[in-house]
Each structure stands twice: as C-alpha cells, then as structure tokens.
PDB file of N, CA and C in Angstrom:
ATOM      1  N   MET A   1     -13.708 -36.506-182.328  1.00  0.00           N
ATOM      2  CA  MET A   1     -13.661 -36.313-180.921  1.00  0.00           C
ATOM      3  C   MET A   1     -13.351 -37.708-180.366  1.00  0.00           C
ATOM      4  N   THR A   2     -12.588 -37.666-179.234  1.00  0.00           N
ATOM      5  CA  THR A   2     -12.228 -38.890-178.486  1.00  0.00           C
ATOM      6  C   THR A   2     -13.238 -39.065-177.439  1.00  0.00           C
ATOM      7  N   LEU A   3     -13.254 -40.296-176.880  1.00  0.00           N
ATOM      8  CA  LEU A   3     -14.044 -40.668-175.803  1.00  0.00           C
ATOM      9  C   LEU A   3     -13.721 -39.889-174.545  1.00  0.00           C
ATOM     10  N   ASP A   4     -12.437 -39.488-174.341  1.00  0.00           N
ATOM     11  CA  ASP A   4     -12.002 -38.716-173.166  1.00  0.00           C
ATOM     12  C   ASP A   4     -12.591 -37.307-173.167  1.00  0.00           C
ATOM     13  N   HIS A   5     -12.703 -36.730-174.361  1.00  0.00           N
ATOM     14  CA  HIS A   5     -13.259 -35.398-174.524  1.00  0.00           C
ATOM     15  C   HIS A   5     -14.707 -35.438-174.302  1.00  0.00           C
ATOM     16  N   VAL A   6     -15.370 -36.321-174.759  1.00  0.00           N
ATOM     17  CA  VAL A   6     -16.884 -36.461-174.523  1.00  0.00           C
ATOM     18  C   VAL A   6     -17.059 -36.744-173.084  1.00  0.00           C
ATOM     19  N   LYS A   7     -16.437 -37.639-172.500  1.00  0.00           N
ATOM     20  CA  LYS A   7     -16.583 -37.803-171.089  1.00  0.00           C
ATOM     21  C   LYS A   7     -16.368 -36.703-170.222  1.00  0.00           C
ATOM     22  N   ASN A   8     -15.280 -35.930-170.510  1.00  0.00           N
ATOM     23  CA  ASN A   8     -14.972 -34.781-169.806  1.00  0.00           C
ATOM     24  C   ASN A   8     -16.153 -33.748-169.948  1.00  0.00           C
ATOM     25  N   PHE A   9     -16.645 -33.509-171.181  1.00  0.00           N
ATOM     26  CA  PHE A   9     -17.701 -32.658-171.439  1.00  0.00           C
ATOM     27  C   PHE A   9     -18.885 -33.016-170.651  1.00  0.00           C
ATOM     28  N   LEU A  10     -19.289 -34.258-170.642  1.00  0.00           N
ATOM     29  CA  LEU A  10     -20.595 -34.675-169.924  1.00  0.00           C
ATOM     30  C   LEU A  10     -20.351 -34.465-168.398  1.00  0.00           C
ATOM     31  N   ASP A  11     -19.149 -34.884-167.890  1.00  0.00           N
ATOM     32  CA  ASP A  11     -18.915 -34.656-166.483  1.00  0.00           C
ATOM     33  C   ASP A  11     -19.060 -33.187-166.065  1.00  0.00           C
ATOM     34  N   CYS A  12     -18.677 -32.274-166.930  1.00  0.00           N
ATOM     35  CA  CYS A  12     -18.717 -30.771-166.646  1.00  0.00           C
ATOM     36  C   CYS A  12     -20.051 -30.231-166.765  1.00  0.00           C
ATOM     37  N   VAL A  13     -20.908 -30.916-167.629  1.00  0.00           N
ATOM     38  CA  VAL A  13     -22.306 -30.461-167.629  1.00  0.00           C
ATOM     39  C   VAL A  13     -23.101 -30.903-166.485  1.00  0.00           C
ATOM     40  N   ARG A  14     -22.687 -32.044-165.877  1.00  0.00           N
ATOM     41  CA  ARG A  14     -23.362 -32.521-164.703  1.00  0.00           C
ATOM     42  C   ARG A  14     -22.838 -31.782-163.317  1.00  0.00           C
ATOM     43  N   SER A  15     -21.567 -31.469-163.412  1.00  0.00           N
ATOM     44  CA  SER A  15     -20.944 -30.935-162.132  1.00  0.00           C
ATOM     45  C   SER A  15     -20.852 -29.324-162.274  1.00  0.00           C
ATOM     46  N   ARG A  16     -20.940 -28.796-163.465  1.00  0.00           N
ATOM     47  CA  ARG A  16     -20.815 -27.394-163.612  1.00  0.00           C
ATOM     48  C   ARG A  16     -19.328 -26.951-163.447  1.00  0.00           C
ATOM     49  N   LYS A  17     -18.433 -27.776-163.546  1.00  0.00           N
ATOM     50  CA  LYS A  17     -17.039 -27.510-163.413  1.00  0.00           C
ATOM     51  C   LYS A  17     -16.434 -27.055-164.804  1.00  0.00           C
ATOM     52  N   LEU A  18     -15.332 -26.453-164.825  1.00  0.00           N
ATOM     53  CA  LEU A  18     -14.654 -26.146-166.035  1.00  0.00           C
ATOM     54  C   LEU A  18     -14.045 -27.391-166.707  1.00  0.00           C
ATOM     55  N   PRO A  19     -14.160 -27.454-168.047  1.00  0.00           N
ATOM     56  CA  PRO A  19     -13.553 -28.494-168.791  1.00  0.00           C
ATOM     57  C   PRO A  19     -12.057 -28.456-168.778  1.00  0.00           C
ATOM     58  N   ASN A  20     -11.487 -29.570-169.036  1.00  0.00           N
ATOM     59  CA  ASN A  20      -9.997 -29.670-169.223  1.00  0.00           C
ATOM     60  C   ASN A  20      -9.540 -28.644-170.254  1.00  0.00           C
ATOM     61  N   GLY A  21     -10.078 -28.581-171.313  1.00  0.00           N
ATOM     62  CA  GLY A  21      -9.663 -27.534-172.347  1.00  0.00           C
ATOM     63  C   GLY A  21     -10.693 -26.407-172.327  1.00  0.00           C
ATOM     64  N   ASP A  22     -10.378 -25.390-171.474  1.00  0.00           N
ATOM     65  CA  ASP A  22     -11.292 -24.306-171.313  1.00  0.00           C
ATOM     66  C   ASP A  22     -11.244 -23.444-172.626  1.00  0.00           C
ATOM     67  N   VAL A  23     -12.432 -22.901-172.845  1.00  0.00           N
ATOM     68  CA  VAL A  23     -12.631 -22.052-174.182  1.00  0.00           C
ATOM     69  C   VAL A  23     -11.704 -20.909-174.323  1.00  0.00           C
ATOM     70  N   LEU A  24     -11.329 -20.165-173.149  1.00  0.00           N
ATOM     71  CA  LEU A  24     -10.479 -19.239-173.284  1.00  0.00           C
ATOM     72  C   LEU A  24      -9.038 -19.540-173.689  1.00  0.00           C
ATOM     73  N   ILE A  25      -8.606 -20.698-173.200  1.00  0.00           N
ATOM     74  CA  ILE A  25      -7.227 -21.224-173.518  1.00  0.00           C
ATOM     75  C   ILE A  25      -7.192 -21.637-175.051  1.00  0.00           C
ATOM     76  N   GLY A  26      -8.361 -22.127-175.501  1.00  0.00           N
ATOM     77  CA  GLY A  26      -8.493 -22.550-176.871  1.00  0.00           C
ATOM     78  C   GLY A  26      -8.425 -21.223-177.812  1.00  0.00           C
ATOM     79  N   HIS A  27      -9.227 -20.206-177.370  1.00  0.00           N
ATOM     80  CA  HIS A  27      -9.383 -18.958-178.068  1.00  0.00           C
ATOM     81  C   HIS A  27      -7.921 -18.339-178.198  1.00  0.00           C
ATOM     82  N   ARG A  28      -7.193 -18.262-177.167  1.00  0.00           N
ATOM     83  CA  ARG A  28      -5.819 -17.708-177.092  1.00  0.00           C
ATOM     84  C   ARG A  28      -4.836 -18.404-177.914  1.00  0.00           C
ATOM     85  N   SER A  29      -4.883 -19.751-177.811  1.00  0.00           N
ATOM     86  CA  SER A  29      -3.983 -20.618-178.628  1.00  0.00           C
ATOM     87  C   SER A  29      -4.252 -20.415-180.142  1.00  0.00           C
ATOM     88  N   ALA A  30      -5.410 -20.367-180.578  1.00  0.00           N
ATOM     89  CA  ALA A  30      -5.876 -20.098-182.001  1.00  0.00           C
ATOM     90  C   ALA A  30      -5.446 -18.778-182.460  1.00  0.00           C
ATOM     91  N   GLN A  31      -5.702 -17.761-181.574  1.00  0.00           N
ATOM     92  CA  GLN A  31      -5.348 -16.387-181.858  1.00  0.00           C
ATOM     93  C   GLN A  31      -3.874 -16.247-182.158  1.00  0.00           C
ATOM     94  N   ALA A  32      -3.047 -16.790-181.325  1.00  0.00           N
ATOM     95  CA  ALA A  32      -1.591 -16.762-181.587  1.00  0.00           C
ATOM     96  C   ALA A  32      -1.178 -17.255-182.962  1.00  0.00           C
ATOM     97  N   SER A  33      -1.771 -18.390-183.321  1.00  0.00           N
ATOM     98  CA  SER A  33      -1.458 -19.017-184.557  1.00  0.00           C
ATOM     99  C   SER A  33      -1.933 -18.201-185.703  1.00  0.00           C
ATOM    100  N   HIS A  34      -3.209 -17.579-185.629  1.00  0.00           N
ATOM    101  CA  HIS A  34      -3.708 -16.755-186.654  1.00  0.00           C
ATOM    102  C   HIS A  34      -2.867 -15.506-186.871  1.00  0.00           C
ATOM    103  N   LEU A  35      -2.531 -14.798-185.742  1.00  0.00           N
ATOM    104  CA  LEU A  35      -1.719 -13.668-185.907  1.00  0.00           C
ATOM    105  C   LEU A  35      -0.400 -13.884-186.523  1.00  0.00           C
ATOM    106  N   GLY A  36       0.204 -15.093-186.106  1.00  0.00           N
ATOM    107  CA  GLY A  36       1.513 -15.426-186.730  1.00  0.00           C
ATOM    108  C   GLY A  36       1.306 -15.677-188.315  1.00  0.00           C
ATOM    109  N   ASN A  37       0.253 -16.259-188.658  1.00  0.00           N
ATOM    110  CA  ASN A  37       0.004 -16.478-190.127  1.00  0.00           C
ATOM    111  C   ASN A  37      -0.263 -15.157-190.837  1.00  0.00           C
ATOM    112  N   ILE A  38      -0.988 -14.286-190.286  1.00  0.00           N
ATOM    113  CA  ILE A  38      -1.173 -13.009-190.833  1.00  0.00           C
ATOM    114  C   ILE A  38       0.120 -12.144-191.022  1.00  0.00           C
ATOM    115  N   ALA A  39       0.883 -12.219-190.008  1.00  0.00           N
ATOM    116  CA  ALA A  39       2.245 -11.474-190.091  1.00  0.00           C
ATOM    117  C   ALA A  39       3.075 -12.094-191.059  1.00  0.00           C
ATOM    118  N   TYR A  40       3.060 -13.424-191.269  1.00  0.00           N
ATOM    119  CA  TYR A  40       3.836 -14.076-192.294  1.00  0.00           C
ATOM    120  C   TYR A  40       3.339 -13.678-193.664  1.00  0.00           C
ATOM    121  N   LEU A  41       2.083 -13.795-193.932  1.00  0.00           N
ATOM    122  CA  LEU A  41       1.496 -13.501-195.320  1.00  0.00           C
ATOM    123  C   LEU A  41       1.710 -12.003-195.591  1.00  0.00           C
ATOM    124  N   GLU A  42       1.664 -11.195-194.662  1.00  0.00           N
ATOM    125  CA  GLU A  42       1.735  -9.692-194.931  1.00  0.00           C
ATOM    126  C   GLU A  42       3.264  -9.193-194.911  1.00  0.00           C
ATOM    127  N   ARG A  43       4.085 -10.209-194.525  1.00  0.00           N
ATOM    128  CA  ARG A  43       5.507  -9.936-194.383  1.00  0.00           C
ATOM    129  C   ARG A  43       5.833  -8.640-193.491  1.00  0.00           C
ATOM    130  N   ARG A  44       5.205  -8.482-192.472  1.00  0.00           N
ATOM    131  CA  ARG A  44       5.276  -7.394-191.583  1.00  0.00           C
ATOM    132  C   ARG A  44       5.056  -7.663-190.096  1.00  0.00           C
ATOM    133  N   ARG A  45       5.495  -6.794-189.204  1.00  0.00           N
ATOM    134  CA  ARG A  45       5.317  -6.998-187.764  1.00  0.00           C
ATOM    135  C   ARG A  45       3.867  -6.554-187.534  1.00  0.00           C
ATOM    136  N   LEU A  46       3.232  -7.138-186.736  1.00  0.00           N
ATOM    137  CA  LEU A  46       1.891  -6.704-186.205  1.00  0.00           C
ATOM    138  C   LEU A  46       1.820  -6.012-184.947  1.00  0.00           C
ATOM    139  N   ASN A  47       0.929  -4.999-184.920  1.00  0.00           N
ATOM    140  CA  ASN A  47       0.736  -4.324-183.597  1.00  0.00           C
ATOM    141  C   ASN A  47      -0.719  -4.734-183.099  1.00  0.00           C
ATOM    142  N   PHE A  48      -0.760  -5.539-182.119  1.00  0.00           N
ATOM    143  CA  PHE A  48      -2.068  -6.087-181.617  1.00  0.00           C
ATOM    144  C   PHE A  48      -2.573  -5.588-180.317  1.00  0.00           C
ATOM    145  N   ASP A  49      -3.718  -5.216-180.200  1.00  0.00           N
ATOM    146  CA  ASP A  49      -4.347  -4.723-178.883  1.00  0.00           C
ATOM    147  C   ASP A  49      -5.046  -5.874-178.263  1.00  0.00           C
ATOM    148  N   THR A  50      -4.510  -6.360-177.253  1.00  0.00           N
ATOM    149  CA  THR A  50      -5.035  -7.587-176.573  1.00  0.00           C
ATOM    150  C   THR A  50      -6.311  -7.361-175.751  1.00  0.00           C
ATOM    151  N   THR A  51      -6.454  -6.057-175.470  1.00  0.00           N
ATOM    152  CA  THR A  51      -7.830  -5.798-174.725  1.00  0.00           C
ATOM    153  C   THR A  51      -8.997  -5.737-175.755  1.00  0.00           C
ATOM    154  N   ARG A  52      -8.825  -4.986-176.757  1.00  0.00           N
ATOM    155  CA  ARG A  52      -9.831  -4.891-177.861  1.00  0.00           C
ATOM    156  C   ARG A  52      -9.836  -5.967-178.804  1.00  0.00           C
ATOM    157  N   GLU A  53      -8.717  -6.785-178.794  1.00  0.00           N
ATOM    158  CA  GLU A  53      -8.465  -7.861-179.763  1.00  0.00           C
ATOM    159  C   GLU A  53      -8.645  -7.429-181.237  1.00  0.00           C
ATOM    160  N   GLU A  54      -7.807  -6.508-181.466  1.00  0.00           N
ATOM    161  CA  GLU A  54      -7.876  -5.966-182.991  1.00  0.00           C
ATOM    162  C   GLU A  54      -6.428  -5.632-183.354  1.00  0.00           C
ATOM    163  N   LEU A  55      -6.202  -5.619-184.599  1.00  0.00           N
ATOM    164  CA  LEU A  55      -4.894  -5.092-185.130  1.00  0.00           C
ATOM    165  C   LEU A  55      -4.803  -3.641-185.183  1.00  0.00           C
ATOM    166  N   LEU A  56      -3.708  -3.093-184.813  1.00  0.00           N
ATOM    167  CA  LEU A  56      -3.530  -1.705-184.753  1.00  0.00           C
ATOM    168  C   LEU A  56      -2.670  -1.166-185.949  1.00  0.00           C
ATOM    169  N   PRO A  57      -2.913  -0.007-186.559  1.00  0.00           N
ATOM    170  CA  PRO A  57      -2.039   0.406-187.549  1.00  0.00           C
ATOM    171  C   PRO A  57      -0.601   0.689-187.108  1.00  0.00           C
ATOM    172  N   LEU A  58       0.354   0.522-187.942  1.00  0.00           N
ATOM    173  CA  LEU A  58       1.747   0.707-187.579  1.00  0.00           C
ATOM    174  C   LEU A  58       2.170   2.274-187.486  1.00  0.00           C
TER     175      LEU A  58
END
C-alpha cells in the first residue's frame, strides 16, 4: 500500500465520501480479467449474465 492510498482511505473514513478507487470499479475490473482468463483456459466463448453475475450455458 502506498501513502496516497492510506491517506485517501482515512480521509474517506472521516468525511464518509467515496474513495478514489471505489469497490464496484475494482470488482468490475477484476471480473473482466477473470472472465477473460476462464474463456482462454476453456478455449470457448462465454455467455455471462451481468445481473446475476454468473456464467450461462451455451
């Protein structure tokens, strides 16, 4: 962790504002990478339901 991240976190705790790196943005970014890796390893196209956040059968 860098000092900037810690400072931003503490400022958000005090002010109740959203942090620079919101958890939903982090979740969606990681999700895209994971889905890409799964598709690559399975060598197939994935059908993904974004509402339920689950893989659908082809």
